[in-house]
N, C-alpha and C. Protein backbone atom coordinates (compact mmCIF):
# COMPACT_ATOMS: atom_id res chain seq x y z
N UNK A 1 147.58 19.18 34.10
CA UNK A 1 147.04 19.76 32.88
C UNK A 1 146.37 21.10 33.20
N UNK A 2 146.83 22.14 32.52
CA UNK A 2 146.28 23.48 32.76
C UNK A 2 144.91 23.60 32.09
N UNK A 3 143.95 24.11 32.85
CA UNK A 3 142.63 24.37 32.29
C UNK A 3 142.07 25.68 32.80
N UNK A 4 141.45 26.41 31.90
CA UNK A 4 140.64 27.57 32.23
C UNK A 4 139.30 27.35 31.55
N UNK A 5 138.25 27.23 32.33
CA UNK A 5 136.94 26.89 31.78
C UNK A 5 135.95 28.00 32.13
N UNK A 6 135.55 28.73 31.09
CA UNK A 6 134.58 29.81 31.28
C UNK A 6 133.15 29.26 31.26
N UNK A 7 132.28 29.94 31.99
CA UNK A 7 130.86 29.59 31.98
C UNK A 7 130.06 30.84 32.32
N UNK A 8 128.74 30.75 32.10
CA UNK A 8 127.86 31.85 32.48
C UNK A 8 127.39 32.72 31.33
N UNK A 9 127.89 32.47 30.14
CA UNK A 9 127.44 33.27 29.00
C UNK A 9 126.03 32.90 28.59
N UNK A 10 125.49 33.66 27.65
CA UNK A 10 124.15 33.39 27.17
C UNK A 10 123.54 34.58 26.48
N UNK A 11 122.24 34.51 26.27
CA UNK A 11 121.49 35.59 25.63
C UNK A 11 120.80 36.42 26.71
N UNK A 12 120.97 37.73 26.62
CA UNK A 12 120.38 38.64 27.60
C UNK A 12 119.88 39.89 26.87
N UNK A 13 118.83 40.48 27.40
CA UNK A 13 118.29 41.70 26.79
C UNK A 13 119.14 42.90 27.16
N UNK A 14 119.12 43.93 26.33
CA UNK A 14 119.84 45.18 26.69
C UNK A 14 119.39 45.68 28.06
N UNK A 15 120.36 46.10 28.85
CA UNK A 15 120.09 46.53 30.21
C UNK A 15 120.18 45.43 31.24
N UNK A 16 120.30 44.20 30.78
CA UNK A 16 120.37 43.06 31.69
C UNK A 16 121.76 42.82 32.24
N UNK A 17 121.87 41.73 33.00
CA UNK A 17 123.13 41.40 33.66
C UNK A 17 123.48 39.93 33.43
N UNK A 18 124.77 39.67 33.47
CA UNK A 18 125.30 38.30 33.45
C UNK A 18 126.51 38.26 34.35
N UNK A 19 126.76 37.07 34.90
CA UNK A 19 127.97 36.85 35.68
C UNK A 19 128.74 35.70 35.05
N UNK A 20 129.93 36.00 34.55
CA UNK A 20 130.79 34.98 33.99
C UNK A 20 131.70 34.42 35.07
N UNK A 21 132.02 33.14 34.94
CA UNK A 21 132.98 32.49 35.83
C UNK A 21 134.06 31.84 34.99
N UNK A 22 135.24 31.72 35.58
CA UNK A 22 136.35 31.04 34.93
C UNK A 22 137.02 30.16 35.98
N UNK A 23 136.84 28.85 35.85
CA UNK A 23 137.41 27.90 36.80
C UNK A 23 138.80 27.49 36.33
N UNK A 24 139.78 27.66 37.19
CA UNK A 24 141.17 27.38 36.85
C UNK A 24 141.65 26.12 37.54
N UNK A 25 142.51 25.38 36.86
CA UNK A 25 143.13 24.20 37.47
C UNK A 25 144.44 23.91 36.77
N UNK A 26 145.32 23.20 37.48
CA UNK A 26 146.58 22.77 36.88
C UNK A 26 147.72 23.77 36.98
N UNK A 27 147.51 24.90 37.66
CA UNK A 27 148.59 25.87 37.83
C UNK A 27 148.29 26.67 39.10
N UNK A 28 149.28 27.45 39.53
CA UNK A 28 149.17 28.20 40.78
C UNK A 28 148.36 29.48 40.55
N UNK A 29 147.04 29.32 40.55
CA UNK A 29 146.13 30.40 40.20
C UNK A 29 146.42 31.70 40.95
N UNK A 30 146.67 31.61 42.24
CA UNK A 30 146.80 32.82 43.06
C UNK A 30 148.04 33.64 42.72
N UNK A 31 148.98 33.07 41.98
CA UNK A 31 150.19 33.80 41.63
C UNK A 31 150.15 34.40 40.22
N UNK A 32 149.00 34.27 39.58
CA UNK A 32 148.84 34.79 38.22
C UNK A 32 147.93 36.02 38.20
N UNK A 33 148.36 37.01 37.43
CA UNK A 33 147.44 38.09 37.07
C UNK A 33 146.36 37.48 36.19
N UNK A 34 145.13 38.00 36.34
CA UNK A 34 144.03 37.45 35.56
C UNK A 34 143.33 38.57 34.79
N UNK A 35 142.89 38.23 33.60
CA UNK A 35 142.22 39.21 32.75
C UNK A 35 141.04 38.55 32.04
N UNK A 36 140.08 39.38 31.69
CA UNK A 36 139.00 39.00 30.79
C UNK A 36 139.21 39.77 29.48
N UNK A 37 139.10 39.06 28.38
CA UNK A 37 139.12 39.65 27.05
C UNK A 37 137.80 39.31 26.36
N UNK A 38 137.52 40.03 25.30
CA UNK A 38 136.38 39.66 24.45
C UNK A 38 136.75 39.89 22.99
N UNK A 39 136.05 39.14 22.14
CA UNK A 39 136.25 39.28 20.71
C UNK A 39 134.92 39.17 19.99
N UNK A 40 134.56 40.24 19.31
CA UNK A 40 133.34 40.26 18.51
C UNK A 40 133.68 39.85 17.08
N UNK A 41 132.71 39.36 16.34
CA UNK A 41 132.97 38.96 14.95
C UNK A 41 133.58 40.09 14.13
N UNK A 42 134.68 39.78 13.46
CA UNK A 42 135.33 40.76 12.60
C UNK A 42 136.16 41.79 13.32
N UNK A 43 136.29 41.64 14.64
CA UNK A 43 137.06 42.61 15.43
C UNK A 43 138.21 41.92 16.15
N UNK A 44 139.18 42.74 16.56
CA UNK A 44 140.30 42.21 17.33
C UNK A 44 139.88 41.93 18.77
N UNK A 45 140.60 41.00 19.38
CA UNK A 45 140.35 40.71 20.79
C UNK A 45 140.73 41.93 21.62
N UNK A 46 139.88 42.29 22.57
CA UNK A 46 140.15 43.46 23.40
C UNK A 46 140.06 43.11 24.88
N UNK A 47 140.89 43.79 25.66
CA UNK A 47 140.90 43.61 27.10
C UNK A 47 139.70 44.33 27.70
N UNK A 48 138.97 43.65 28.59
CA UNK A 48 137.83 44.30 29.24
C UNK A 48 137.98 44.42 30.75
N UNK A 49 138.88 43.66 31.34
CA UNK A 49 139.07 43.78 32.78
C UNK A 49 140.34 43.05 33.19
N UNK A 50 141.00 43.57 34.22
CA UNK A 50 142.22 42.95 34.73
C UNK A 50 142.21 43.04 36.25
N UNK A 51 142.84 42.05 36.89
CA UNK A 51 142.88 42.03 38.35
C UNK A 51 144.23 41.50 38.80
N UNK A 52 144.71 42.07 39.90
CA UNK A 52 145.99 41.65 40.45
C UNK A 52 145.89 40.29 41.13
N UNK A 53 147.02 39.76 41.55
CA UNK A 53 147.03 38.41 42.11
C UNK A 53 146.17 38.27 43.36
N UNK A 54 146.21 39.28 44.23
CA UNK A 54 145.43 39.21 45.46
C UNK A 54 144.04 39.83 45.31
N UNK A 55 143.80 40.46 44.18
CA UNK A 55 142.49 41.04 43.93
C UNK A 55 142.33 42.48 44.37
N UNK A 56 143.40 43.07 44.88
CA UNK A 56 143.27 44.42 45.41
C UNK A 56 143.31 45.52 44.37
N UNK A 57 143.72 45.18 43.17
CA UNK A 57 143.83 46.18 42.10
C UNK A 57 143.11 45.68 40.85
N UNK A 58 142.27 46.54 40.29
CA UNK A 58 141.54 46.18 39.07
C UNK A 58 141.68 47.31 38.05
N UNK A 59 141.42 46.97 36.81
CA UNK A 59 141.55 47.95 35.74
C UNK A 59 140.55 47.63 34.64
N UNK A 60 139.95 48.69 34.07
CA UNK A 60 138.93 48.53 33.03
C UNK A 60 139.11 49.60 31.95
N UNK A 61 138.78 49.26 30.72
CA UNK A 61 138.74 50.31 29.70
C UNK A 61 137.48 51.15 29.88
N UNK A 62 137.48 52.32 29.28
CA UNK A 62 136.33 53.22 29.43
C UNK A 62 135.03 52.60 28.94
N UNK A 63 135.13 51.69 27.96
CA UNK A 63 133.92 51.12 27.36
C UNK A 63 133.10 50.30 28.34
N UNK A 64 133.72 49.80 29.41
CA UNK A 64 132.97 48.97 30.36
C UNK A 64 133.05 49.49 31.79
N UNK A 65 133.84 50.52 32.03
CA UNK A 65 134.03 51.06 33.37
C UNK A 65 132.69 51.49 33.97
N UNK A 66 132.45 51.07 35.20
CA UNK A 66 131.19 51.39 35.86
C UNK A 66 130.09 50.38 35.60
N UNK A 67 130.28 49.50 34.63
CA UNK A 67 129.28 48.46 34.32
C UNK A 67 129.79 47.06 34.62
N UNK A 68 131.08 46.82 34.43
CA UNK A 68 131.67 45.50 34.63
C UNK A 68 132.51 45.51 35.91
N UNK A 69 132.52 44.39 36.62
CA UNK A 69 133.34 44.23 37.81
C UNK A 69 134.04 42.89 37.77
N UNK A 70 135.36 42.92 37.82
CA UNK A 70 136.15 41.69 37.87
C UNK A 70 136.47 41.36 39.32
N UNK A 71 136.47 40.08 39.65
CA UNK A 71 136.83 39.65 41.00
C UNK A 71 137.41 38.25 40.91
N UNK A 72 138.01 37.81 41.99
CA UNK A 72 138.59 36.47 42.02
C UNK A 72 138.47 35.91 43.41
N UNK A 73 138.39 34.59 43.48
CA UNK A 73 138.39 33.85 44.73
C UNK A 73 139.55 32.87 44.66
N UNK A 74 140.65 33.22 45.26
CA UNK A 74 141.84 32.37 45.17
C UNK A 74 141.67 31.04 45.91
N UNK A 75 140.79 31.01 46.89
CA UNK A 75 140.53 29.75 47.59
C UNK A 75 139.79 28.76 46.70
N UNK A 76 139.02 29.29 45.75
CA UNK A 76 138.25 28.45 44.84
C UNK A 76 138.87 28.38 43.44
N UNK A 77 140.00 29.05 43.25
CA UNK A 77 140.65 29.08 41.93
C UNK A 77 139.68 29.53 40.83
N UNK A 78 138.95 30.58 41.12
CA UNK A 78 137.92 31.02 40.19
C UNK A 78 137.98 32.53 39.99
N UNK A 79 137.80 32.92 38.75
CA UNK A 79 137.74 34.32 38.33
C UNK A 79 136.31 34.62 37.92
N UNK A 80 135.87 35.85 38.19
CA UNK A 80 134.50 36.24 37.86
C UNK A 80 134.49 37.55 37.07
N UNK A 81 133.40 37.74 36.32
CA UNK A 81 133.14 39.02 35.67
C UNK A 81 131.65 39.30 35.79
N UNK A 82 131.31 40.26 36.63
CA UNK A 82 129.92 40.69 36.75
C UNK A 82 129.67 41.79 35.72
N UNK A 83 128.70 41.57 34.86
CA UNK A 83 128.41 42.52 33.78
C UNK A 83 126.99 43.04 33.95
N UNK A 84 126.87 44.33 34.17
CA UNK A 84 125.57 44.98 34.34
C UNK A 84 125.33 45.97 33.21
N UNK A 85 124.08 46.39 33.09
CA UNK A 85 123.70 47.39 32.06
C UNK A 85 124.26 47.01 30.70
N UNK A 86 124.06 45.76 30.32
CA UNK A 86 124.65 45.26 29.08
C UNK A 86 124.05 45.95 27.86
N UNK A 87 124.91 46.14 26.86
CA UNK A 87 124.54 46.79 25.61
C UNK A 87 124.75 45.84 24.44
N UNK A 88 124.07 46.05 23.34
CA UNK A 88 124.29 45.18 22.18
C UNK A 88 125.77 45.13 21.76
N UNK A 89 126.49 46.21 21.95
CA UNK A 89 127.91 46.22 21.57
C UNK A 89 128.79 45.40 22.50
N UNK A 90 128.23 44.88 23.57
CA UNK A 90 128.97 43.97 24.45
C UNK A 90 128.92 42.54 23.92
N UNK A 91 128.17 42.31 22.86
CA UNK A 91 128.09 40.96 22.28
C UNK A 91 129.45 40.52 21.76
N UNK A 92 129.91 39.37 22.25
CA UNK A 92 131.23 38.86 21.90
C UNK A 92 131.44 37.50 22.56
N UNK A 93 132.52 36.86 22.19
CA UNK A 93 133.01 35.71 22.95
C UNK A 93 133.96 36.25 24.01
N UNK A 94 133.72 35.85 25.25
CA UNK A 94 134.52 36.32 26.38
C UNK A 94 135.50 35.23 26.82
N UNK A 95 136.76 35.62 26.99
CA UNK A 95 137.82 34.69 27.34
C UNK A 95 138.49 35.11 28.64
N UNK A 96 138.84 34.15 29.47
CA UNK A 96 139.69 34.47 30.61
C UNK A 96 141.12 34.12 30.25
N UNK A 97 142.04 34.82 30.90
CA UNK A 97 143.45 34.77 30.56
C UNK A 97 144.26 34.86 31.84
N UNK A 98 145.25 33.99 31.97
CA UNK A 98 146.15 34.00 33.12
C UNK A 98 147.54 34.38 32.65
N UNK A 99 148.19 35.26 33.40
CA UNK A 99 149.51 35.77 32.99
C UNK A 99 150.47 35.75 34.17
N UNK A 100 151.67 35.22 33.93
CA UNK A 100 152.77 35.36 34.88
C UNK A 100 154.05 35.34 34.07
N UNK A 101 154.75 36.46 34.09
CA UNK A 101 155.98 36.62 33.29
C UNK A 101 155.65 36.34 31.82
N UNK A 102 156.34 35.39 31.19
CA UNK A 102 156.10 35.09 29.78
C UNK A 102 155.07 33.98 29.57
N UNK A 103 154.49 33.50 30.64
CA UNK A 103 153.53 32.40 30.55
C UNK A 103 152.11 32.95 30.48
N UNK A 104 151.35 32.45 29.51
CA UNK A 104 149.95 32.83 29.36
C UNK A 104 149.11 31.59 29.10
N UNK A 105 147.96 31.56 29.77
CA UNK A 105 146.98 30.50 29.53
C UNK A 105 145.67 31.16 29.12
N UNK A 106 144.93 30.46 28.23
CA UNK A 106 143.64 30.97 27.75
C UNK A 106 142.56 29.92 27.93
N UNK A 107 141.37 30.39 28.20
CA UNK A 107 140.22 29.52 28.18
C UNK A 107 139.66 29.40 26.77
N UNK A 108 138.58 28.61 26.65
CA UNK A 108 138.00 28.36 25.33
C UNK A 108 136.96 29.40 24.94
N UNK A 109 136.54 30.20 25.91
CA UNK A 109 135.60 31.28 25.65
C UNK A 109 134.16 30.91 25.92
N UNK A 110 133.35 31.92 26.21
CA UNK A 110 131.92 31.75 26.39
C UNK A 110 131.20 32.88 25.66
N UNK A 111 130.15 32.53 24.94
CA UNK A 111 129.45 33.51 24.11
C UNK A 111 128.49 34.34 24.95
N UNK A 112 128.56 35.65 24.77
CA UNK A 112 127.59 36.57 25.37
C UNK A 112 126.90 37.32 24.23
N UNK A 113 125.58 37.23 24.20
CA UNK A 113 124.80 37.91 23.17
C UNK A 113 123.79 38.83 23.85
N UNK A 114 123.86 40.11 23.50
CA UNK A 114 122.95 41.10 24.07
C UNK A 114 122.01 41.55 22.95
N UNK A 115 120.76 41.15 23.07
CA UNK A 115 119.81 41.43 22.00
C UNK A 115 118.39 41.36 22.54
N UNK A 116 117.52 42.18 21.95
CA UNK A 116 116.11 42.13 22.31
C UNK A 116 115.35 41.22 21.35
C-alpha cells in the first residue's frame, strides 16, 4: 500500500522556521522524483520545491528561493522541506508528491500557518 505521510506543520510567527517531513512507504522511493506543493484557500496548488532521485538537483520558484530547502534521505524513505524566514503568504496546506513517468502519488497534506 502506497503511503506519503506529511508531518511538521503548525503555527509559526513571521520570520520563523519549520521543517516538514514526508515519510514514504509502499513504493521504490529512491527512483521517484519528489516535489513539495502548497495550496492556500481559494488558490491553485503551486509547486514550491523539487528534487531529483539522488538529491543532487533541486529547483524552486522565485517566491521561496533562498528561504526553502528541499532534501531527501533515500535510506530512510523520507523527504524534507526546511522553511526559513516564513511569511504570512506562505500559509497553506503543504503536500508531498512522488513522480515517475505517468505515476503520481500524493500525501494528505499538512497545514502551515504563518501569523503573529
